[in-house]
Amino acid sequence: QVSFVESGGALVQPGGSLRLSCEASGNIHSGYIMGWYRQAPGKQREFVASITGDGVISSADYVRFTISRDNAKNTVYLQMNSLKPEDTAVYLCNAKYTFDSHWGQGTQVTVSS
């Protein structure tokens, strides 16, 4: 079993920045791919970014979003810059290893003036 503590979501003005954190605990190791997804009301869940234990990154927006990881702490971070109202969503942490996938509860990000 894997559990998560997600934090960093907030209300921010357009153009602002946020840093999300997700600390995983339980039966997890550096072989897990850790990442972030988001889900806005009435929309499907969508991929934001992921990072392997070796630091290989995939991202939906390499310019504005930076994902990083601390394997010693089983923690993944998402630095989001130049936020737009359309970035408003619940951001969910995910840890995946082969067919084993675990989800956090999510942290709310609201971009509004």
Protein backbone atom coordinates (compact mmCIF):
# COMPACT_ATOMS: atom_id res chain seq x y z
CA GLN A 1 0.00 0.00 0.00
CA VAL A 2 1.16 3.51 -0.85
CA SER A 3 -0.14 6.72 0.67
CA PHE A 4 0.56 10.33 -0.16
CA VAL A 5 0.68 13.71 1.50
CA GLU A 6 0.08 16.38 -1.12
CA SER A 7 0.45 20.07 -0.45
CA GLY A 8 0.99 23.42 -2.07
CA GLY A 9 -2.33 24.03 -3.76
CA ALA A 10 -3.74 27.52 -3.35
CA LEU A 11 -5.56 30.43 -4.92
CA VAL A 12 -3.16 32.39 -7.09
CA GLN A 13 -3.51 35.24 -9.54
CA PRO A 14 -2.88 34.73 -13.25
CA GLY A 15 0.82 34.88 -13.96
CA GLY A 16 1.68 33.63 -10.50
CA SER A 17 3.59 30.56 -9.39
CA LEU A 18 3.00 27.61 -7.13
CA ARG A 19 5.07 24.66 -5.97
CA LEU A 20 3.24 21.43 -5.27
CA SER A 21 4.73 18.67 -3.15
CA CYS A 22 3.80 15.02 -2.85
CA GLU A 23 5.43 12.81 -0.26
CA ALA A 24 4.81 9.10 -0.71
CA SER A 25 5.11 6.48 1.97
CA GLY A 26 4.57 2.77 2.27
CA ASN A 27 5.59 0.14 -0.22
CA ILE A 28 7.33 2.46 -2.68
CA HIS A 29 10.81 2.61 -4.15
CA SER A 30 12.78 4.56 -6.73
CA GLY A 31 11.56 2.25 -9.49
CA TYR A 32 8.19 3.94 -9.36
CA ILE A 33 7.46 6.64 -11.89
CA MET A 34 6.00 9.55 -9.94
CA GLY A 35 3.93 12.22 -11.53
CA TRP A 36 1.14 14.72 -11.48
CA TYR A 37 -2.22 14.70 -13.20
CA ARG A 38 -5.02 17.22 -12.97
CA GLN A 39 -8.76 17.20 -13.22
CA ALA A 40 -10.94 20.24 -13.71
CA PRO A 41 -14.69 20.16 -13.04
CA GLY A 42 -16.53 18.43 -15.86
CA LYS A 43 -13.32 17.43 -17.61
CA GLN A 44 -11.31 14.26 -17.91
CA ARG A 45 -8.20 13.72 -15.87
CA GLU A 46 -5.15 14.81 -17.82
CA PHE A 47 -1.43 14.21 -17.58
CA VAL A 48 0.75 17.07 -16.33
CA ALA A 49 4.24 15.68 -15.80
CA SER A 50 6.13 12.62 -14.60
CA ILE A 51 9.64 11.68 -13.56
CA THR A 52 11.39 8.35 -13.20
CA GLY A 53 13.71 7.45 -10.38
CA ASP A 54 16.61 8.13 -12.76
CA GLY A 55 15.30 11.62 -13.50
CA VAL A 56 13.79 11.08 -16.93
CA ILE A 57 11.03 13.63 -17.35
CA SER A 58 7.88 13.77 -19.40
CA SER A 59 5.76 16.90 -19.36
CA ALA A 60 2.69 18.40 -20.96
CA ASP A 61 4.31 21.84 -20.69
CA TYR A 62 8.09 21.95 -20.44
CA VAL A 63 8.14 25.75 -20.44
CA ARG A 64 5.86 26.49 -17.50
CA PHE A 65 5.96 23.29 -15.41
CA THR A 66 9.06 21.77 -13.85
CA ILE A 67 8.92 18.42 -12.10
CA SER A 68 11.61 17.21 -9.75
CA ARG A 69 12.10 14.39 -7.31
CA ASP A 70 13.93 13.54 -4.12
CA ASN A 71 14.27 9.76 -4.00
CA ALA A 72 15.59 9.80 -0.44
CA LYS A 73 12.37 11.46 0.69
CA ASN A 74 10.06 9.69 -1.80
CA THR A 75 8.86 13.16 -2.69
CA VAL A 76 7.98 14.69 -6.03
CA TYR A 77 7.61 18.40 -6.66
CA LEU A 78 5.86 20.39 -9.35
CA GLN A 79 6.94 23.97 -9.90
CA MET A 80 4.31 25.81 -11.90
CA ASN A 81 5.00 29.26 -13.32
CA SER A 82 3.01 31.73 -15.42
CA LEU A 83 -0.20 30.15 -14.25
CA LYS A 84 -3.35 30.66 -16.29
CA PRO A 85 -7.03 30.40 -15.31
CA GLU A 86 -7.24 27.23 -17.40
CA ASP A 87 -4.72 25.62 -15.05
CA THR A 88 -7.41 25.60 -12.37
CA ALA A 89 -7.95 22.00 -11.29
CA VAL A 90 -7.38 19.43 -8.61
CA TYR A 91 -3.81 18.23 -9.01
CA LEU A 92 -3.31 14.58 -8.15
CA CYS A 93 -0.09 12.79 -7.36
CA ASN A 94 0.50 9.37 -8.93
CA ALA A 95 3.04 6.63 -8.40
CA LYS A 96 3.24 3.89 -11.00
CA TYR A 97 5.33 0.74 -11.36
CA THR A 98 4.46 -1.72 -14.10
CA PHE A 99 0.75 -2.46 -13.48
CA ASP A 100 0.72 -1.03 -9.96
CA SER A 101 -0.66 2.51 -9.80
CA HIS A 102 -1.54 4.62 -6.77
CA TRP A 103 -3.30 7.98 -6.53
CA GLY A 104 -3.29 10.75 -3.99
CA GLN A 105 -6.37 12.68 -2.91
CA GLY A 106 -5.31 15.82 -4.76
CA THR A 107 -4.63 19.44 -3.96
CA GLN A 108 -6.71 22.29 -5.34
CA VAL A 109 -5.10 24.89 -7.56
CA THR A 110 -7.24 27.89 -8.44
CA VAL A 111 -5.96 30.59 -10.76
CA SER A 112 -8.16 33.64 -10.61
CA SER A 113 -7.97 37.39 -10.21
